[in-house]
PDB file of N, CA and C in Angstrom:
ATOM      1  N   MET A   1      20.096  37.582   4.271  1.00  0.00           N
ATOM      2  CA  MET A   1      20.257  36.708   3.135  1.00  0.00           C
ATOM      3  C   MET A   1      20.862  37.526   1.985  1.00  0.00           C
ATOM      4  N   ASN A   2      22.080  37.230   1.618  1.00  0.00           N
ATOM      5  CA  ASN A   2      22.773  37.979   0.575  1.00  0.00           C
ATOM      6  C   ASN A   2      22.814  37.269  -0.770  1.00  0.00           C
ATOM      7  N   GLU A   3      22.193  36.093  -0.876  1.00  0.00           N
ATOM      8  CA  GLU A   3      22.165  35.386  -2.151  1.00  0.00           C
ATOM      9  C   GLU A   3      21.429  36.241  -3.185  1.00  0.00           C
ATOM     10  N   THR A   4      21.918  36.246  -4.415  1.00  0.00           N
ATOM     11  CA  THR A   4      21.289  37.045  -5.461  1.00  0.00           C
ATOM     12  C   THR A   4      20.618  36.155  -6.499  1.00  0.00           C
ATOM     13  N   TYR A   5      19.718  36.763  -7.247  1.00  0.00           N
ATOM     14  CA  TYR A   5      19.083  36.086  -8.376  1.00  0.00           C
ATOM     15  C   TYR A   5      18.808  37.118  -9.452  1.00  0.00           C
ATOM     16  N   GLU A   6      18.757  36.666 -10.691  1.00  0.00           N
ATOM     17  CA  GLU A   6      18.553  37.572 -11.813  1.00  0.00           C
ATOM     18  C   GLU A   6      17.198  37.315 -12.459  1.00  0.00           C
ATOM     19  N   VAL A   7      16.491  38.390 -12.754  1.00  0.00           N
ATOM     20  CA  VAL A   7      15.227  38.298 -13.484  1.00  0.00           C
ATOM     21  C   VAL A   7      15.288  39.230 -14.682  1.00  0.00           C
ATOM     22  N   THR A   8      14.421  38.958 -15.634  1.00  0.00           N
ATOM     23  CA  THR A   8      14.241  39.859 -16.769  1.00  0.00           C
ATOM     24  C   THR A   8      12.810  40.360 -16.719  1.00  0.00           C
ATOM     25  N   TYR A   9      12.665  41.680 -16.766  1.00  0.00           N
ATOM     26  CA  TYR A   9      11.348  42.288 -16.886  1.00  0.00           C
ATOM     27  C   TYR A   9      11.083  42.487 -18.371  1.00  0.00           C
ATOM     28  N   GLU A  10       9.855  42.243 -18.785  1.00  0.00           N
ATOM     29  CA  GLU A  10       9.491  42.410 -20.187  1.00  0.00           C
ATOM     30  C   GLU A  10       8.126  43.087 -20.263  1.00  0.00           C
ATOM     31  N   VAL A  11       8.042  44.162 -21.056  1.00  0.00           N
ATOM     32  CA  VAL A  11       6.781  44.879 -21.248  1.00  0.00           C
ATOM     33  C   VAL A  11       6.577  45.085 -22.741  1.00  0.00           C
ATOM     34  N   THR A  12       5.387  44.723 -23.211  1.00  0.00           N
ATOM     35  CA  THR A  12       5.034  44.958 -24.612  1.00  0.00           C
ATOM     36  C   THR A  12       3.729  45.735 -24.654  1.00  0.00           C
ATOM     37  N   GLY A  13       3.534  46.476 -25.724  1.00  0.00           N
ATOM     38  CA  GLY A  13       2.322  47.267 -25.905  1.00  0.00           C
ATOM     39  C   GLY A  13       2.608  48.400 -26.872  1.00  0.00           C
ATOM     40  N   LYS A  14       1.550  49.001 -27.397  1.00  0.00           N
ATOM     41  CA  LYS A  14       1.724  50.042 -28.409  1.00  0.00           C
ATOM     42  C   LYS A  14       2.090  51.396 -27.829  1.00  0.00           C
ATOM     43  N   SER A  15       1.537  51.762 -26.709  1.00  0.00           N
ATOM     44  CA  SER A  15       1.760  53.116 -26.191  1.00  0.00           C
ATOM     45  C   SER A  15       2.052  53.077 -24.693  1.00  0.00           C
ATOM     46  N   VAL A  16       3.248  52.645 -24.339  1.00  0.00           N
ATOM     47  CA  VAL A  16       3.654  52.588 -22.941  1.00  0.00           C
ATOM     48  C   VAL A  16       4.262  53.943 -22.584  1.00  0.00           C
ATOM     49  N   ASP A  17       3.703  54.597 -21.586  1.00  0.00           N
ATOM     50  CA  ASP A  17       4.180  55.922 -21.183  1.00  0.00           C
ATOM     51  C   ASP A  17       5.350  55.857 -20.211  1.00  0.00           C
ATOM     52  N   SER A  18       5.306  54.891 -19.295  1.00  0.00           N
ATOM     53  CA  SER A  18       6.413  54.732 -18.350  1.00  0.00           C
ATOM     54  C   SER A  18       6.398  53.326 -17.768  1.00  0.00           C
ATOM     55  N   ILE A  19       7.546  52.937 -17.233  1.00  0.00           N
ATOM     56  CA  ILE A  19       7.681  51.642 -16.558  1.00  0.00           C
ATOM     57  C   ILE A  19       8.471  51.883 -15.285  1.00  0.00           C
ATOM     58  N   THR A  20       7.934  51.417 -14.161  1.00  0.00           N
ATOM     59  CA  THR A  20       8.621  51.495 -12.878  1.00  0.00           C
ATOM     60  C   THR A  20       8.943  50.071 -12.449  1.00  0.00           C
ATOM     61  N   PHE A  21      10.158  49.871 -11.894  1.00  0.00           N
ATOM     62  CA  PHE A  21      10.563  48.510 -11.533  1.00  0.00           C
ATOM     63  C   PHE A  21      11.546  48.519 -10.364  1.00  0.00           C
ATOM     64  N   HIS A  22      11.607  47.393  -9.640  1.00  0.00           N
ATOM     65  CA  HIS A  22      12.629  47.203  -8.616  1.00  0.00           C
ATOM     66  C   HIS A  22      13.938  46.962  -9.339  1.00  0.00           C
ATOM     67  N   ASP A  23      14.968  47.768  -9.015  1.00  0.00           N
ATOM     68  CA  ASP A  23      16.235  47.674  -9.753  1.00  0.00           C
ATOM     69  C   ASP A  23      17.348  46.966  -8.988  1.00  0.00           C
ATOM     70  N   GLY A  24      17.044  46.428  -7.808  1.00  0.00           N
ATOM     71  CA  GLY A  24      18.042  45.697  -7.031  1.00  0.00           C
ATOM     72  C   GLY A  24      18.649  46.505  -5.907  1.00  0.00           C
ATOM     73  N   GLY A  25      18.439  47.812  -5.913  1.00  0.00           N
ATOM     74  CA  GLY A  25      18.941  48.652  -4.826  1.00  0.00           C
ATOM     75  C   GLY A  25      17.970  48.654  -3.657  1.00  0.00           C
ATOM     76  N   GLY A  26      18.408  49.200  -2.563  1.00  0.00           N
ATOM     77  CA  GLY A  26      17.559  49.266  -1.383  1.00  0.00           C
ATOM     78  C   GLY A  26      17.591  47.966  -0.598  1.00  0.00           C
ATOM     79  N   THR A  27      16.529  47.726   0.153  1.00  0.00           N
ATOM     80  CA  THR A  27      16.423  46.519   0.979  1.00  0.00           C
ATOM     81  C   THR A  27      15.188  45.726   0.559  1.00  0.00           C
ATOM     82  N   ALA A  28      15.057  44.525   1.105  1.00  0.00           N
ATOM     83  CA  ALA A  28      13.911  43.673   0.768  1.00  0.00           C
ATOM     84  C   ALA A  28      12.590  44.342   1.135  1.00  0.00           C
ATOM     85  N   THR A  29      12.570  45.087   2.244  1.00  0.00           N
ATOM     86  CA  THR A  29      11.332  45.733   2.675  1.00  0.00           C
ATOM     87  C   THR A  29      11.170  47.139   2.124  1.00  0.00           C
ATOM     88  N   ALA A  30      12.234  47.696   1.574  1.00  0.00           N
ATOM     89  CA  ALA A  30      12.180  49.032   0.963  1.00  0.00           C
ATOM     90  C   ALA A  30      13.034  49.038  -0.310  1.00  0.00           C
ATOM     91  N   PRO A  31      12.597  48.283  -1.330  1.00  0.00           N
ATOM     92  CA  PRO A  31      13.387  48.200  -2.570  1.00  0.00           C
ATOM     93  C   PRO A  31      13.414  49.527  -3.317  1.00  0.00           C
ATOM     94  N   ASN A  32      14.516  49.758  -4.001  1.00  0.00           N
ATOM     95  CA  ASN A  32      14.658  50.958  -4.814  1.00  0.00           C
ATOM     96  C   ASN A  32      13.827  50.813  -6.087  1.00  0.00           C
ATOM     97  N   LEU A  33      13.143  51.888  -6.446  1.00  0.00           N
ATOM     98  CA  LEU A  33      12.348  51.904  -7.671  1.00  0.00           C
ATOM     99  C   LEU A  33      13.047  52.758  -8.718  1.00  0.00           C
ATOM    100  N   ALA A  34      13.124  52.255  -9.927  1.00  0.00           N
ATOM    101  CA  ALA A  34      13.652  53.010 -11.056  1.00  0.00           C
ATOM    102  C   ALA A  34      12.508  53.188 -12.049  1.00  0.00           C
ATOM    103  N   THR A  35      12.528  54.289 -12.790  1.00  0.00           N
ATOM    104  CA  THR A  35      11.477  54.560 -13.759  1.00  0.00           C
ATOM    105  C   THR A  35      12.091  54.907 -15.108  1.00  0.00           C
ATOM    106  N   VAL A  36      11.506  54.337 -16.150  1.00  0.00           N
ATOM    107  CA  VAL A  36      11.883  54.657 -17.520  1.00  0.00           C
ATOM    108  C   VAL A  36      10.681  55.362 -18.152  1.00  0.00           C
ATOM    109  N   ASP A  37      10.880  56.595 -18.618  1.00  0.00           N
ATOM    110  CA  ASP A  37       9.811  57.327 -19.288  1.00  0.00           C
ATOM    111  C   ASP A  37       9.883  57.116 -20.784  1.00  0.00           C
ATOM    112  N   LYS A  38       8.716  56.968 -21.406  1.00  0.00           N
ATOM    113  CA  LYS A  38       8.591  56.792 -22.852  1.00  0.00           C
ATOM    114  C   LYS A  38       9.496  55.673 -23.386  1.00  0.00           C
ATOM    115  N   PRO A  39       9.400  54.468 -22.813  1.00  0.00           N
ATOM    116  CA  PRO A  39      10.237  53.364 -23.297  1.00  0.00           C
ATOM    117  C   PRO A  39       9.801  52.899 -24.680  1.00  0.00           C
ATOM    118  N   VAL A  40      10.744  52.365 -25.409  1.00  0.00           N
ATOM    119  CA  VAL A  40      10.436  51.764 -26.708  1.00  0.00           C
ATOM    120  C   VAL A  40      10.043  50.313 -26.462  1.00  0.00           C
ATOM    121  N   ALA A  41       8.835  49.955 -26.910  1.00  0.00           N
ATOM    122  CA  ALA A  41       8.360  48.584 -26.713  1.00  0.00           C
ATOM    123  C   ALA A  41       8.673  47.756 -27.956  1.00  0.00           C
ATOM    124  N   PRO A  42       8.986  46.501 -27.822  1.00  0.00           N
ATOM    125  CA  PRO A  42       9.048  45.766 -26.559  1.00  0.00           C
ATOM    126  C   PRO A  42      10.264  46.186 -25.733  1.00  0.00           C
ATOM    127  N   TRP A  43      10.052  46.260 -24.416  1.00  0.00           N
ATOM    128  CA  TRP A  43      11.079  46.705 -23.484  1.00  0.00           C
ATOM    129  C   TRP A  43      11.498  45.527 -22.616  1.00  0.00           C
ATOM    130  N   LYS A  44      12.803  45.350 -22.445  1.00  0.00           N
ATOM    131  CA  LYS A  44      13.336  44.293 -21.579  1.00  0.00           C
ATOM    132  C   LYS A  44      14.432  44.877 -20.715  1.00  0.00           C
ATOM    133  N   LYS A  45      14.517  44.378 -19.480  1.00  0.00           N
ATOM    134  CA  LYS A  45      15.559  44.832 -18.562  1.00  0.00           C
ATOM    135  C   LYS A  45      15.921  43.681 -17.633  1.00  0.00           C
ATOM    136  N   LYS A  46      17.227  43.337 -17.594  1.00  0.00           N
ATOM    137  CA  LYS A  46      17.728  42.344 -16.647  1.00  0.00           C
ATOM    138  C   LYS A  46      18.184  43.070 -15.395  1.00  0.00           C
ATOM    139  N   VAL A  47      17.783  42.525 -14.242  1.00  0.00           N
ATOM    140  CA  VAL A  47      18.216  43.098 -12.969  1.00  0.00           C
ATOM    141  C   VAL A  47      18.631  41.984 -12.029  1.00  0.00           C
ATOM    142  N   THR A  48      19.530  42.300 -11.125  1.00  0.00           N
ATOM    143  CA  THR A  48      19.955  41.360 -10.095  1.00  0.00           C
ATOM    144  C   THR A  48      19.360  41.825  -8.780  1.00  0.00           C
ATOM    145  N   LEU A  49      18.617  40.938  -8.141  1.00  0.00           N
ATOM    146  CA  LEU A  49      17.961  41.221  -6.871  1.00  0.00           C
ATOM    147  C   LEU A  49      18.595  40.361  -5.783  1.00  0.00           C
ATOM    148  N   ARG A  50      18.380  40.746  -4.510  1.00  0.00           N
ATOM    149  CA  ARG A  50      18.991  40.043  -3.392  1.00  0.00           C
ATOM    150  C   ARG A  50      17.948  39.443  -2.458  1.00  0.00           C
ATOM    151  N   GLY A  51      18.249  38.232  -2.000  1.00  0.00           N
ATOM    152  CA  GLY A  51      17.467  37.597  -0.944  1.00  0.00           C
ATOM    153  C   GLY A  51      15.988  37.530  -1.235  1.00  0.00           C
ATOM    154  N   ILE A  52      15.197  38.014  -0.273  1.00  0.00           N
ATOM    155  CA  ILE A  52      13.742  37.935  -0.407  1.00  0.00           C
ATOM    156  C   ILE A  52      13.144  39.143  -1.129  1.00  0.00           C
ATOM    157  N   MET A  53      14.008  40.017  -1.661  1.00  0.00           N
ATOM    158  CA  MET A  53      13.510  41.180  -2.403  1.00  0.00           C
ATOM    159  C   MET A  53      12.639  40.693  -3.564  1.00  0.00           C
ATOM    160  N   PRO A  54      11.390  41.175  -3.655  1.00  0.00           N
ATOM    161  CA  PRO A  54      10.528  40.726  -4.742  1.00  0.00           C
ATOM    162  C   PRO A  54      10.898  41.388  -6.064  1.00  0.00           C
ATOM    163  N   ALA A  55      10.628  40.675  -7.138  1.00  0.00           N
ATOM    164  CA  ALA A  55      10.767  41.245  -8.478  1.00  0.00           C
ATOM    165  C   ALA A  55       9.460  41.967  -8.779  1.00  0.00           C
ATOM    166  N   ALA A  56       9.545  43.197  -9.284  1.00  0.00           N
ATOM    167  CA  ALA A  56       8.321  43.949  -9.553  1.00  0.00           C
ATOM    168  C   ALA A  56       8.513  44.883 -10.739  1.00  0.00           C
ATOM    169  N   VAL A  57       7.491  44.920 -11.597  1.00  0.00           N
ATOM    170  CA  VAL A  57       7.499  45.827 -12.753  1.00  0.00           C
ATOM    171  C   VAL A  57       6.075  46.336 -12.961  1.00  0.00           C
ATOM    172  N   SER A  58       5.959  47.651 -13.203  1.00  0.00           N
ATOM    173  CA  SER A  58       4.645  48.265 -13.330  1.00  0.00           C
ATOM    174  C   SER A  58       4.628  49.267 -14.487  1.00  0.00           C
ATOM    175  N   PRO A  59       4.023  48.899 -15.620  1.00  0.00           N
ATOM    176  CA  PRO A  59       3.925  49.831 -16.743  1.00  0.00           C
ATOM    177  C   PRO A  59       2.693  50.723 -16.616  1.00  0.00           C
ATOM    178  N   VAL A  60       2.748  51.878 -17.269  1.00  0.00           N
ATOM    179  CA  VAL A  60       1.608  52.786 -17.348  1.00  0.00           C
ATOM    180  C   VAL A  60       1.394  53.136 -18.818  1.00  0.00           C
ATOM    181  N   ALA A  61       0.152  52.975 -19.275  1.00  0.00           N
ATOM    182  CA  ALA A  61      -0.222  53.344 -20.643  1.00  0.00           C
ATOM    183  C   ALA A  61      -1.460  54.226 -20.554  1.00  0.00           C
ATOM    184  N   LEU A  62      -1.291  55.534 -20.731  1.00  0.00           N
ATOM    185  CA  LEU A  62      -2.395  56.467 -20.573  1.00  0.00           C
ATOM    186  C   LEU A  62      -3.453  56.337 -21.659  1.00  0.00           C
ATOM    187  N   ASP A  63      -3.077  55.843 -22.826  1.00  0.00           N
ATOM    188  CA  ASP A  63      -4.022  55.678 -23.926  1.00  0.00           C
ATOM    189  C   ASP A  63      -4.732  54.334 -23.908  1.00  0.00           C
ATOM    190  N   GLY A  64      -4.686  53.645 -22.786  1.00  0.00           N
ATOM    191  CA  GLY A  64      -5.350  52.358 -22.679  1.00  0.00           C
ATOM    192  C   GLY A  64      -4.361  51.218 -22.634  1.00  0.00           C
ATOM    193  N   ALA A  65      -4.796  50.132 -22.044  1.00  0.00           N
ATOM    194  CA  ALA A  65      -3.885  49.019 -21.810  1.00  0.00           C
ATOM    195  C   ALA A  65      -4.320  47.743 -22.501  1.00  0.00           C
ATOM    196  N   ALA A  66      -5.189  47.846 -23.475  1.00  0.00           N
ATOM    197  CA  ALA A  66      -5.730  46.642 -24.107  1.00  0.00           C
ATOM    198  C   ALA A  66      -4.652  45.715 -24.642  1.00  0.00           C
ATOM    199  N   ASP A  67      -3.582  46.270 -25.199  1.00  0.00           N
ATOM    200  CA  ASP A  67      -2.535  45.423 -25.782  1.00  0.00           C
ATOM    201  C   ASP A  67      -1.292  45.314 -24.892  1.00  0.00           C
ATOM    202  N   LEU A  68      -1.394  45.751 -23.654  1.00  0.00           N
ATOM    203  CA  LEU A  68      -0.263  45.773 -22.729  1.00  0.00           C
ATOM    204  C   LEU A  68      -0.042  44.399 -22.092  1.00  0.00           C
ATOM    205  N   THR A  69       1.212  43.961 -22.057  1.00  0.00           N
ATOM    206  CA  THR A  69       1.581  42.720 -21.373  1.00  0.00           C
ATOM    207  C   THR A  69       2.848  42.975 -20.582  1.00  0.00           C
ATOM    208  N   ARG A  70       2.913  42.447 -19.371  1.00  0.00           N
ATOM    209  CA  ARG A  70       4.119  42.557 -18.548  1.00  0.00           C
ATOM    210  C   ARG A  70       4.467  41.170 -18.025  1.00  0.00           C
ATOM    211  N   LYS A  71       5.763  40.925 -17.929  1.00  0.00           N
ATOM    212  CA  LYS A  71       6.224  39.613 -17.468  1.00  0.00           C
ATOM    213  C   LYS A  71       7.443  39.786 -16.569  1.00  0.00           C
ATOM    214  N   VAL A  72       7.580  38.834 -15.640  1.00  0.00           N
ATOM    215  CA  VAL A  72       8.806  38.668 -14.863  1.00  0.00           C
ATOM    216  C   VAL A  72       9.308  37.271 -15.214  1.00  0.00           C
ATOM    217  N   ILE A  73      10.553  37.199 -15.704  1.00  0.00           N
ATOM    218  CA  ILE A  73      11.120  35.935 -16.173  1.00  0.00           C
ATOM    219  C   ILE A  73      12.328  35.578 -15.323  1.00  0.00           C
ATOM    220  N   TYR A  74      12.355  34.332 -14.839  1.00  0.00           N
ATOM    221  CA  TYR A  74      13.460  33.822 -14.020  1.00  0.00           C
ATOM    222  C   TYR A  74      13.949  32.521 -14.630  1.00  0.00           C
ATOM    223  N   LYS A  75      15.223  32.476 -14.972  1.00  0.00           N
ATOM    224  CA  LYS A  75      15.827  31.293 -15.600  1.00  0.00           C
ATOM    225  C   LYS A  75      15.032  30.819 -16.811  1.00  0.00           C
ATOM    226  N   GLY A  76      14.593  31.776 -17.642  1.00  0.00           N
ATOM    227  CA  GLY A  76      13.884  31.450 -18.867  1.00  0.00           C
ATOM    228  C   GLY A  76      12.418  31.101 -18.700  1.00  0.00           C
ATOM    229  N   LYS A  77      11.908  31.120 -17.465  1.00  0.00           N
ATOM    230  CA  LYS A  77      10.526  30.749 -17.191  1.00  0.00           C
ATOM    231  C   LYS A  77       9.758  31.960 -16.666  1.00  0.00           C
ATOM    232  N   VAL A  78       8.565  32.196 -17.211  1.00  0.00           N
ATOM    233  CA  VAL A  78       7.722  33.295 -16.741  1.00  0.00           C
ATOM    234  C   VAL A  78       7.183  32.934 -15.360  1.00  0.00           C
ATOM    235  N   ILE A  79       7.509  33.765 -14.352  1.00  0.00           N
ATOM    236  CA  ILE A  79       7.029  33.491 -12.998  1.00  0.00           C
ATOM    237  C   ILE A  79       5.880  34.420 -12.599  1.00  0.00           C
ATOM    238  N   LYS A  80       5.640  35.455 -13.399  1.00  0.00           N
ATOM    239  CA  LYS A  80       4.501  36.353 -13.175  1.00  0.00           C
ATOM    240  C   LYS A  80       4.180  37.027 -14.488  1.00  0.00           C
ATOM    241  N   GLU A  81       2.881  37.128 -14.828  1.00  0.00           N
ATOM    242  CA  GLU A  81       2.466  37.739 -16.087  1.00  0.00           C
ATOM    243  C   GLU A  81       1.071  38.315 -15.935  1.00  0.00           C
ATOM    244  N   ALA A  82       0.817  39.425 -16.630  1.00  0.00           N
ATOM    245  CA  ALA A  82      -0.519  40.019 -16.669  1.00  0.00           C
ATOM    246  C   ALA A  82      -0.683  40.729 -18.000  1.00  0.00           C
ATOM    247  N   THR A  83      -1.932  40.810 -18.465  1.00  0.00           N
ATOM    248  CA  THR A  83      -2.223  41.490 -19.728  1.00  0.00           C
ATOM    249  C   THR A  83      -3.396  42.444 -19.550  1.00  0.00           C
ATOM    250  N   GLY A  84      -3.557  43.359 -20.513  1.00  0.00           N
ATOM    251  CA  GLY A  84      -4.665  44.307 -20.499  1.00  0.00           C
ATOM    252  C   GLY A  84      -4.642  45.188 -19.268  1.00  0.00           C
ATOM    253  N   GLU A  85      -5.833  45.513 -18.760  1.00  0.00           N
ATOM    254  CA  GLU A  85      -5.937  46.382 -17.583  1.00  0.00           C
ATOM    255  C   GLU A  85      -5.226  45.785 -16.372  1.00  0.00           C
ATOM    256  N   ALA A  86      -5.204  44.458 -16.265  1.00  0.00           N
ATOM    257  CA  ALA A  86      -4.531  43.800 -15.148  1.00  0.00           C
ATOM    258  C   ALA A  86      -3.027  44.060 -15.170  1.00  0.00           C
ATOM    259  N   ALA A  87      -2.483  44.402 -16.338  1.00  0.00           N
ATOM    260  CA  ALA A  87      -1.054  44.677 -16.449  1.00  0.00           C
ATOM    261  C   ALA A  87      -0.667  45.954 -15.717  1.00  0.00           C
ATOM    262  N   MET A  88      -1.623  46.880 -15.558  1.00  0.00           N
ATOM    263  CA  MET A  88      -1.329  48.124 -14.850  1.00  0.00           C
ATOM    264  C   MET A  88      -1.817  48.101 -13.406  1.00  0.00           C
ATOM    265  N   ALA A  89      -2.765  47.261 -13.098  1.00  0.00           N
ATOM    266  CA  ALA A  89      -3.367  47.247 -11.764  1.00  0.00           C
ATOM    267  C   ALA A  89      -2.425  46.656 -10.725  1.00  0.00           C
ATOM    268  N   GLY A  90      -1.888  47.493  -9.887  1.00  0.00           N
ATOM    269  CA  GLY A  90      -1.084  47.037  -8.757  1.00  0.00           C
ATOM    270  C   GLY A  90       0.327  46.592  -9.080  1.00  0.00           C
ATOM    271  N   GLY A  91       0.736  46.660 -10.310  1.00  0.00           N
ATOM    272  CA  GLY A  91       2.086  46.220 -10.649  1.00  0.00           C
ATOM    273  C   GLY A  91       2.185  44.710 -10.690  1.00  0.00           C
ATOM    274  N   CYS A  92       3.236  44.239 -11.274  1.00  0.00           N
ATOM    275  CA  CYS A  92       3.489  42.812 -11.418  1.00  0.00           C
ATOM    276  C   CYS A  92       4.561  42.448 -10.401  1.00  0.00           C
ATOM    277  N   VAL A  93       4.164  41.857  -9.292  1.00  0.00           N
ATOM    278  CA  VAL A  93       5.099  41.547  -8.216  1.00  0.00           C
ATOM    279  C   VAL A  93       5.223  40.037  -8.090  1.00  0.00           C
ATOM    280  N   ALA A  94       6.452  39.545  -8.157  1.00  0.00           N
ATOM    281  CA  ALA A  94       6.717  38.112  -8.027  1.00  0.00           C
ATOM    282  C   ALA A  94       7.524  37.861  -6.762  1.00  0.00           C
ATOM    283  N   VAL A  95       7.156  36.848  -6.017  1.00  0.00           N
ATOM    284  CA  VAL A  95       7.890  36.464  -4.821  1.00  0.00           C
ATOM    285  C   VAL A  95       9.275  35.997  -5.225  1.00  0.00           C
ATOM    286  N   SER A  96      10.265  36.336  -4.436  1.00  0.00           N
ATOM    287  CA  SER A  96      11.640  35.910  -4.718  1.00  0.00           C
ATOM    288  C   SER A  96      11.708  34.394  -4.850  1.00  0.00           C
ATOM    289  N   PRO A  97      12.268  33.894  -5.944  1.00  0.00           N
ATOM    290  CA  PRO A  97      12.360  32.442  -6.128  1.00  0.00           C
ATOM    291  C   PRO A  97      13.333  31.766  -5.162  1.00  0.00           C
ATOM    292  N   ILE A  98      14.149  32.541  -4.464  1.00  0.00           N
ATOM    293  CA  ILE A  98      15.073  31.950  -3.504  1.00  0.00           C
ATOM    294  C   ILE A  98      14.609  32.127  -2.072  1.00  0.00           C
ATOM    295  N   ALA A  99      13.432  32.735  -1.861  1.00  0.00           N
ATOM    296  CA  ALA A  99      12.939  33.013  -0.515  1.00  0.00           C
ATOM    297  C   ALA A  99      12.624  31.751   0.285  1.00  0.00           C
ATOM    298  N   GLY A 100      12.154  30.703  -0.393  1.00  0.00           N
ATOM    299  CA  GLY A 100      11.739  29.501   0.310  1.00  0.00           C
ATOM    300  C   GLY A 100      12.819  28.470   0.527  1.00  0.00           C
ATOM    301  N   ARG A 101      14.062  28.803   0.219  1.00  0.00           N
ATOM    302  CA  ARG A 101      15.144  27.817   0.349  1.00  0.00           C
ATOM    303  C   ARG A 101      15.594  27.675   1.765  1.00  0.00           C
TER     304      ARG A 101
END
């Protein structure tokens, strides 16, 4: 499946140390991960993904995650969101919106 889709990753918080995300490279079962160290929040990144490749973003805040929020946005709609400690636990992974077509 070579159809593509675009998502925007969004991370907000006071002290985000790093953000790791699927950047569209690799394969659906082995997506490429990119990392941004010491990002300026609020942080946003648009990426183009292919087929059933999931959208995923995982922030790390060593000083605590109380004010941390992460989102995956597709066509202006939030398809995955987490706040606080849940924002760091396991990453924010959204199923490809074109997988079920």
